[in-house]
Protein backbone atom coordinates (compact mmCIF):
# COMPACT_ATOMS: atom_id res chain seq x y z
CA MET A 1 0.00 0.00 0.00
CA ASN A 2 2.88 2.38 0.73
CA LEU A 3 4.31 1.71 -2.71
CA LEU A 4 0.89 2.34 -4.22
CA ASN A 5 0.60 5.67 -2.36
CA ARG A 6 4.07 6.80 -3.48
CA THR A 7 3.26 5.88 -7.07
CA ILE A 8 0.01 7.83 -6.94
CA ARG A 9 1.69 10.88 -5.37
CA THR A 10 4.40 10.87 -8.01
CA ALA A 11 1.92 10.53 -10.84
CA CYS A 12 -0.42 13.16 -9.43
CA ARG A 13 1.99 16.02 -8.75
CA GLY A 14 0.38 19.23 -9.87
CA ILE A 15 -3.11 17.76 -9.87
CA PRO A 16 -5.55 19.73 -7.72
CA SER A 17 -6.30 18.09 -4.38
CA ALA A 18 -9.99 18.01 -5.23
CA PHE A 19 -9.30 15.30 -7.79
CA LEU A 20 -6.70 13.41 -5.79
CA LEU A 21 -9.18 11.62 -3.52
CA VAL A 22 -11.11 10.34 -6.55
CA ILE A 23 -7.92 8.91 -8.12
CA VAL A 24 -6.90 7.15 -4.90
CA SER A 25 -10.39 5.70 -4.47
CA VAL A 26 -10.39 4.27 -8.01
CA ALA A 27 -6.92 2.78 -7.52
CA VAL A 28 -7.87 1.08 -4.26
CA ARG A 29 -11.02 -0.42 -5.79
CA ALA A 30 -8.90 -1.76 -8.65
CA GLN A 31 -6.40 -3.29 -6.20
CA PHE A 32 -8.88 -5.05 -3.85
CA LYS A 33 -11.94 -6.93 -5.04
CA GLU A 34 -14.89 -6.44 -2.72
CA THR A 35 -16.74 -9.49 -1.41
CA PRO A 36 -20.39 -9.31 -2.42
CA PRO A 37 -23.09 -9.58 0.24
CA ALA A 38 -23.92 -13.05 1.56
CA PRO A 39 -26.60 -14.69 -0.60
CA TYR A 40 -28.65 -16.11 2.30
CA PRO A 41 -29.41 -15.35 5.92
CA PRO A 42 -27.43 -17.65 8.27
CA ALA A 43 -30.44 -19.86 9.09
CA VAL A 44 -31.24 -20.44 5.42
CA ALA A 45 -27.58 -21.05 4.60
CA ARG A 46 -27.29 -23.60 7.41
CA GLN A 47 -30.25 -25.60 6.09
CA LYS A 48 -28.90 -25.58 2.52
CA ILE A 49 -25.43 -26.64 3.67
CA ARG A 50 -26.86 -29.39 5.87
CA THR A 51 -28.93 -30.74 2.97
CA MET A 52 -25.92 -30.79 0.63
CA ILE A 53 -23.79 -32.64 3.18
CA GLU A 54 -26.44 -35.17 4.09
CA SER A 55 -27.76 -35.88 0.60
CA GLY A 56 -24.62 -37.33 -0.93
CA ASP A 57 -26.45 -37.73 -4.24
CA PRO A 58 -23.92 -39.12 -6.75
CA ASP A 59 -25.90 -37.74 -9.70
CA ASN A 60 -25.33 -34.12 -8.72
CA GLY A 61 -22.34 -34.56 -6.42
CA GLN A 62 -20.04 -32.39 -8.53
CA GLN A 63 -22.56 -29.58 -8.68
CA ALA A 64 -23.20 -29.78 -4.93
CA ALA A 65 -19.46 -29.73 -4.22
CA GLU A 66 -18.99 -26.61 -6.33
CA THR A 67 -21.95 -24.91 -4.64
CA LEU A 68 -20.64 -25.79 -1.18
CA SER A 69 -17.17 -24.52 -2.06
CA GLY A 70 -18.67 -21.24 -3.22
CA LEU A 71 -20.43 -20.75 0.11
CA LEU A 72 -17.26 -21.10 2.20
CA VAL A 73 -16.34 -17.44 1.76
CA TRP A 74 -19.37 -16.41 3.83
CA TYR A 75 -20.24 -19.50 5.87
CA ARG A 76 -16.96 -21.20 6.86
CA ASP A 77 -18.08 -21.62 10.49
CA ILE A 78 -21.46 -23.02 9.47
CA VAL A 79 -19.83 -25.54 7.12
CA ASP A 80 -17.53 -26.61 9.96
CA ASP A 81 -20.47 -26.97 12.35
CA GLU A 82 -22.45 -29.09 9.90
CA LEU A 83 -19.52 -31.35 8.98
CA ILE A 84 -18.87 -32.05 12.66
CA ALA A 85 -22.58 -32.59 13.37
CA ALA A 86 -22.90 -34.99 10.43
CA TRP A 87 -19.92 -36.99 11.67
CA LYS A 88 -21.41 -37.24 15.14
CA GLY A 89 -24.85 -38.09 13.75
CA ASP A 90 -26.18 -40.60 11.26
CA HIS A 91 -24.56 -39.34 8.04
CA ARG A 92 -20.85 -40.01 8.58
CA ALA A 93 -20.71 -42.67 5.86
CA LYS A 94 -20.94 -39.92 3.22
CA LEU A 95 -18.18 -37.74 4.68
CA PRO A 96 -14.85 -39.40 3.73
CA ALA A 97 -15.18 -38.01 0.19
CA LEU A 98 -15.91 -34.50 1.50
CA MET A 99 -13.21 -34.20 4.14
CA PRO A 100 -10.25 -33.67 1.76
CA LEU A 101 -12.20 -30.79 0.19
CA TYR A 102 -13.71 -28.97 3.17
CA ALA A 103 -12.03 -30.02 6.42
CA ASP A 104 -9.89 -27.50 8.28
CA SER A 105 -8.01 -27.70 11.58
CA ARG A 106 -11.17 -27.22 13.66
CA VAL A 107 -13.07 -29.97 11.83
CA ALA A 108 -10.11 -32.36 11.97
CA SER A 109 -9.60 -31.88 15.71
CA ALA A 110 -13.30 -32.35 16.52
CA ILE A 111 -13.65 -35.48 14.38
CA VAL A 112 -10.51 -37.21 15.64
CA GLU A 113 -11.33 -36.36 19.26
CA PHE A 114 -14.88 -37.68 18.92
CA SER A 115 -13.82 -40.82 17.06
CA TRP A 116 -10.94 -41.74 19.36
CA ARG A 117 -12.32 -40.70 22.73
CA GLU A 118 -16.13 -40.92 22.46
CA GLN A 119 -17.26 -43.29 19.69
CA ARG A 120 -14.25 -45.51 19.05
CA ALA A 121 -16.31 -48.68 18.62
CA SER A 122 -18.34 -47.30 15.71
CA THR A 123 -15.88 -44.94 14.02
CA PHE A 124 -12.37 -46.31 14.53
CA ASN A 125 -12.30 -49.09 11.95
CA LEU A 126 -10.71 -49.84 8.59
CA THR A 127 -13.54 -48.06 6.75
CA TYR A 128 -12.68 -44.69 8.25
CA ALA A 129 -8.98 -45.20 9.04
CA PRO A 130 -7.72 -43.64 5.75
CA MET A 131 -9.77 -40.49 6.36
CA LEU A 132 -8.76 -40.21 10.03
CA GLY A 133 -5.10 -40.75 9.17
CA ASP A 134 -5.28 -38.10 6.44
CA LEU A 135 -6.78 -35.57 8.87
CA MET A 136 -4.02 -36.27 11.41
CA ALA A 137 -1.32 -35.95 8.77
CA ARG A 138 -2.68 -32.67 7.39
CA TYR A 139 -3.50 -31.12 10.77
CA PRO A 140 -0.98 -32.44 13.35
CA ASN A 141 -2.75 -30.82 16.30
CA ALA A 142 -5.77 -33.02 15.58
CA ALA A 143 -3.67 -36.09 16.38
CA ASP A 144 -2.83 -34.99 19.93
CA PRO A 145 -5.33 -37.24 21.81
CA PHE A 146 -4.45 -40.22 19.60
CA ILE A 147 -0.73 -39.72 20.19
CA ARG A 148 -1.04 -39.08 23.93
CA ASP A 149 -3.07 -42.24 24.56
CA LEU A 150 -0.73 -44.46 22.54
CA ALA A 151 2.74 -42.95 22.97
CA GLY A 152 2.22 -41.99 26.61
CA PRO A 153 2.02 -45.56 27.96
CA VAL A 154 4.93 -46.62 25.73
CA THR A 155 7.29 -43.99 27.17
CA GLY A 156 5.84 -43.87 30.68
CA GLY A 157 5.24 -47.57 31.23
CA GLY A 158 1.46 -47.24 31.55
CA GLN A 159 -1.35 -49.42 30.26
CA MET A 160 -1.90 -49.44 26.52
CA PRO A 161 -5.49 -48.86 25.31
CA ASP A 162 -7.55 -52.05 25.31
CA LEU A 163 -8.68 -52.15 21.67
CA SER A 164 -11.12 -54.44 19.94
CA PRO A 165 -9.82 -56.25 16.82
CA SER A 166 -11.42 -53.69 14.49
CA GLU A 167 -10.02 -50.78 16.53
CA ALA A 168 -6.55 -52.35 16.56
CA ASP A 169 -6.76 -52.77 12.78
CA ALA A 170 -7.59 -49.08 12.38
CA VAL A 171 -4.76 -47.94 14.67
CA CYS A 172 -2.24 -50.11 12.83
CA ARG A 173 -3.52 -48.99 9.42
CA ILE A 174 -3.10 -45.34 10.36
CA LEU A 175 0.40 -45.83 11.75
CA LEU A 176 1.55 -47.95 8.80
CA ASP A 177 0.26 -45.46 6.22
CA MET A 178 1.32 -42.25 7.96
CA PRO A 179 4.05 -40.29 6.11
CA ASP A 180 7.51 -40.78 7.59
CA THR A 181 7.65 -37.27 9.05
CA GLY A 182 8.18 -35.90 12.52
CA ASP A 183 8.00 -38.58 15.22
CA TRP A 184 5.37 -40.74 13.50
CA LYS A 185 7.79 -43.48 12.47
CA LYS A 186 9.38 -43.64 15.91
CA MET A 187 5.96 -43.83 17.53
CA ALA A 188 4.79 -46.52 15.13
CA LEU A 189 7.80 -48.73 15.87
CA GLN A 190 7.00 -48.45 19.58
CA VAL A 191 3.23 -48.95 19.35
CA LEU A 192 2.77 -51.57 16.63
CA PRO A 193 4.41 -54.42 18.59
CA HIS A 194 1.64 -54.04 21.20
CA TYR A 195 -0.89 -54.90 18.46
CA ARG A 196 1.33 -57.41 16.71
CA SER A 197 -1.37 -59.66 15.27
CA ALA A 198 -3.27 -56.79 13.64
CA ALA A 199 -0.10 -55.22 12.26
CA GLN A 200 1.15 -58.49 10.77
CA SER A 201 -2.22 -59.28 9.20
CA LEU A 202 -2.38 -55.89 7.48
CA LEU A 203 1.22 -56.11 6.29
CA VAL A 204 0.68 -59.55 4.79
CA GLN A 205 -2.33 -58.18 2.88
CA ASP A 206 -0.22 -55.27 1.61
CA LEU A 207 2.63 -57.61 0.75
CA ARG A 208 0.45 -59.83 -1.41
CA GLY A 209 -1.60 -57.04 -2.99
CA ASN A 210 -1.24 -55.52 -6.45
CA ASP A 211 0.16 -52.18 -5.25
CA LYS A 212 3.93 -52.56 -5.71
CA GLU A 213 4.82 -49.52 -3.62
CA LYS A 214 2.64 -50.75 -0.77
CA SER A 215 4.13 -54.22 -1.09
CA TYR A 216 7.66 -52.84 -0.81
CA ARG A 217 6.70 -50.72 2.22
CA ALA A 218 5.21 -53.83 3.83
CA GLN A 219 8.48 -55.70 3.41
CA VAL A 220 10.38 -52.86 5.06
CA TRP A 221 7.91 -52.75 7.95
CA LEU A 222 8.08 -56.53 8.44
CA ALA A 223 11.85 -56.36 8.70
CA GLU A 224 11.88 -53.38 11.05
CA LEU A 225 9.26 -54.96 13.31
CA SER A 226 11.01 -58.37 13.15
CA LEU A 227 7.83 -60.05 11.96
CA ASN A 228 8.47 -63.38 10.24
CA VAL A 229 6.14 -64.09 7.32
CA PRO A 230 6.43 -67.24 5.17
CA GLY A 231 7.96 -66.35 1.83
CA VAL A 232 9.77 -63.28 3.16
CA THR A 233 12.00 -64.08 6.13
CA SER A 234 11.11 -67.57 7.32
CA GLU A 235 13.29 -69.99 9.26
CA GLU A 236 13.21 -72.36 6.29
CA ASP A 237 14.80 -69.69 4.08
CA ASP A 238 17.39 -68.86 6.74
CA GLN A 239 18.60 -72.48 6.80
CA HIS A 240 19.85 -72.04 3.22
CA ARG A 241 21.59 -68.72 3.90
CA LYS A 242 24.83 -69.61 5.64
CA PRO A 243 28.09 -67.65 5.69
CA ILE A 244 30.65 -68.83 3.13
CA PRO A 245 34.32 -68.44 4.22
CA ARG A 246 36.58 -66.22 2.16
CA THR A 247 38.55 -69.28 1.03
CA SER A 248 35.51 -71.09 -0.36
CA ALA A 249 35.07 -71.99 -4.01
CA ALA A 250 32.57 -69.21 -4.52
CA ALA A 251 35.06 -66.66 -3.27
CA GLY A 252 38.07 -68.17 -4.97
CA SER A 253 36.51 -68.33 -8.42
CA GLY A 254 37.15 -64.62 -8.95
CA PRO A 255 34.72 -61.73 -9.26
CA ILE A 256 31.62 -62.48 -11.29
CA GLY A 257 29.72 -59.42 -12.43
CA ASN A 258 30.39 -55.98 -11.02
CA GLN A 259 31.26 -55.58 -7.35
CA MET A 260 30.48 -52.37 -5.52
CA PRO A 261 33.52 -50.18 -4.65
CA THR A 262 34.60 -50.30 -1.02
CA ASP A 263 34.38 -46.50 -0.64
CA THR A 264 30.64 -46.42 -1.43
CA LEU A 265 28.70 -44.52 1.20
CA PRO A 266 26.81 -46.98 3.43
CA GLY A 267 23.10 -46.73 4.00
CA ARG A 268 22.19 -45.63 0.48
CA PRO A 269 20.52 -47.83 -2.15
CA HIS A 270 22.97 -49.15 -4.74
CA ILE A 271 22.64 -50.89 -8.09
CA VAL A 272 24.36 -54.28 -8.41
CA GLU A 273 24.51 -55.39 -12.03
CA GLN A 274 23.62 -58.88 -13.19
CA PRO A 275 26.65 -60.92 -14.30
CA SER A 276 26.89 -61.92 -17.93
CA ALA A 277 26.84 -65.70 -17.61
CA PRO A 278 24.88 -68.31 -19.58
CA PHE A 279 21.94 -70.22 -18.13
CA THR A 280 20.85 -73.58 -19.47
CA SER A 281 17.51 -73.97 -21.18
CA SER A 282 16.46 -76.51 -18.56
CA ASP A 283 16.43 -73.87 -15.84
CA ALA A 284 12.90 -73.21 -14.55
CA PRO A 285 11.68 -69.63 -14.94
CA TYR A 286 11.75 -67.43 -11.85
CA SER A 287 8.27 -66.66 -10.55
CA ALA A 288 8.87 -65.07 -7.12
CA PRO A 289 8.38 -61.37 -6.22
CA GLY A 290 10.51 -58.63 -7.77
CA SER A 291 11.38 -57.05 -4.43
CA GLY A 292 11.79 -58.06 -0.83
CA THR A 293 13.72 -57.92 2.43
CA LEU A 294 16.44 -60.39 3.43
CA LYS A 295 18.00 -60.99 6.86
CA CYS A 296 21.26 -62.67 7.81
CA SER A 297 21.17 -65.43 10.42
CA GLY A 298 23.52 -67.93 11.95
CA ASP A 299 27.11 -67.32 13.05
CA PRO A 300 28.73 -63.87 12.79
CA VAL A 301 30.44 -63.16 9.47
CA PRO A 302 34.18 -62.54 9.99
CA PRO A 303 36.12 -59.73 8.27
CA ASP A 304 36.31 -60.42 4.51
CA GLY A 305 33.85 -63.29 5.04
CA GLN A 306 30.87 -63.75 2.75
CA TYR A 307 27.17 -64.33 3.21
CA VAL A 308 25.14 -65.72 0.30
CA PHE A 309 21.45 -65.22 -0.45
CA PRO A 310 20.60 -67.75 -3.21
CA GLY A 311 17.55 -67.76 -5.46
CA MET A 312 17.45 -64.08 -6.39
CA PRO A 313 15.70 -63.05 -9.64
CA LEU A 314 17.73 -62.30 -12.76
CA GLY A 315 18.46 -58.69 -13.61
CA ASN A 316 20.11 -55.72 -11.96
CA LEU A 317 19.19 -55.31 -8.30
CA GLN A 318 18.87 -52.15 -6.27
CA ILE A 319 19.85 -52.93 -2.69
CA ASP A 320 19.84 -50.98 0.56
CA LEU A 321 22.37 -52.46 2.98
CA ASP A 322 20.99 -50.73 6.08
CA GLY A 323 24.14 -48.68 6.64
CA LYS A 324 26.38 -51.71 7.27
CA PRO A 325 29.91 -52.12 5.83
CA TRP A 326 29.11 -54.71 3.19
CA ASP A 327 30.14 -54.97 -0.44
CA ALA A 328 27.80 -56.85 -2.76
CA ARG A 329 28.01 -58.75 -6.02
CA LEU A 330 25.86 -61.14 -8.02
CA ALA A 331 26.77 -64.60 -9.29
CA PRO A 332 24.88 -67.14 -11.45
CA GLY A 333 22.66 -69.38 -9.36
CA LYS A 334 20.47 -72.40 -9.92
CA GLY A 335 17.14 -72.71 -11.67
CA GLY A 336 17.21 -69.45 -13.62
CA THR A 337 18.20 -67.39 -10.58
CA GLN A 338 21.30 -65.65 -9.28
CA ASP A 339 23.05 -65.44 -5.91
CA LEU A 340 23.48 -62.20 -3.99
CA ILE A 341 26.83 -62.33 -2.18
CA LEU A 342 27.64 -59.91 0.64
CA ILE A 343 31.26 -59.37 1.73
CA ASN A 344 32.06 -58.02 5.19
CA ARG A 345 34.46 -55.11 4.64
CA SER A 346 34.69 -54.06 8.29
CA SER A 347 37.53 -54.95 10.67
CA SER A 348 35.18 -56.85 12.98
CA ALA A 349 32.68 -59.68 12.67
CA GLN A 350 29.17 -58.70 11.65
CA LYS A 351 26.28 -60.35 13.49
CA ARG A 352 23.39 -58.79 11.61
CA CYS A 353 22.38 -57.49 8.20
CA ILE A 354 19.13 -56.45 6.59
CA VAL A 355 19.01 -56.13 2.80
CA ARG A 356 16.11 -54.45 1.04
CA TRP A 357 16.14 -55.20 -2.65
CA ARG A 358 14.19 -54.81 -5.85
CA VAL A 359 14.76 -55.57 -9.52
CA VAL A 360 15.54 -52.46 -11.60
CA PRO A 361 15.79 -52.08 -15.42
């Protein structure tokens, strides 16, 4: 505004003061668009907004959404009131589609508080978990009661909430899907073990679903929570993954494929290229997943010792070595597969490793 006034004064030097007020008035009207009067009295607006929220008519849903959005400039508080009232009443089933469009911090706080503290049995379930998690992620203050009741007992040694199976499913779903920001991940790693059965069930569903990103996240969660799932990190698999001494035939046959340099920064994903070696036509085609999580087991691996994960799919692999001092290379395996070989490059024996991998072009 100061810049506007200086510009006007400079442009209007020598203009009689009688005209100056008119010029300033025109300039201000051009700079700021006036809000027109509200189209309805508050009582009428409330009834119209309530009807639009409760109707949920799919035939005119787009038109109703546009109308409701247009009313926010005058009736933000009324929209908030009616969204909260609908959630607490008999029309909450129609609200998950509306919340991303119209919820604000006040609505999010009221809905999470009501759902978690007052009506957990009917609102905290897998149907509403995505919406509740989204509200907590977008408006962190709304998550305060949820966090206090779950993280408080974990850190203070108190009693964890006694949840029904459907409530435990919803809590685990929210924690597993929450973005890895702030203290959410730390809290999830502390809380999920208390509802182990629900967490594992959901992760197995994600693991075997069609969403590849969700499947990969499930593998990471299973490893971090030390949950053993057949086909991912079972005892049967671990029996075939034994350390191979540095003097073994696999080590003495020379490097096969490309080995990662020893000065590679640990903890970052790396590409390990498939070796160029022939496979016989009798080899069965590989039909297992294209990503997963592997864990070492057995005796510690000595310095320069090797640990072999057989049965990996053909192709270049992207691997995350969990910040440990391992080198990695690939060697031809059996049955149309290849072996992933880890080499301990530290000066001490390594007791543990977690490898997250996926096939890359």
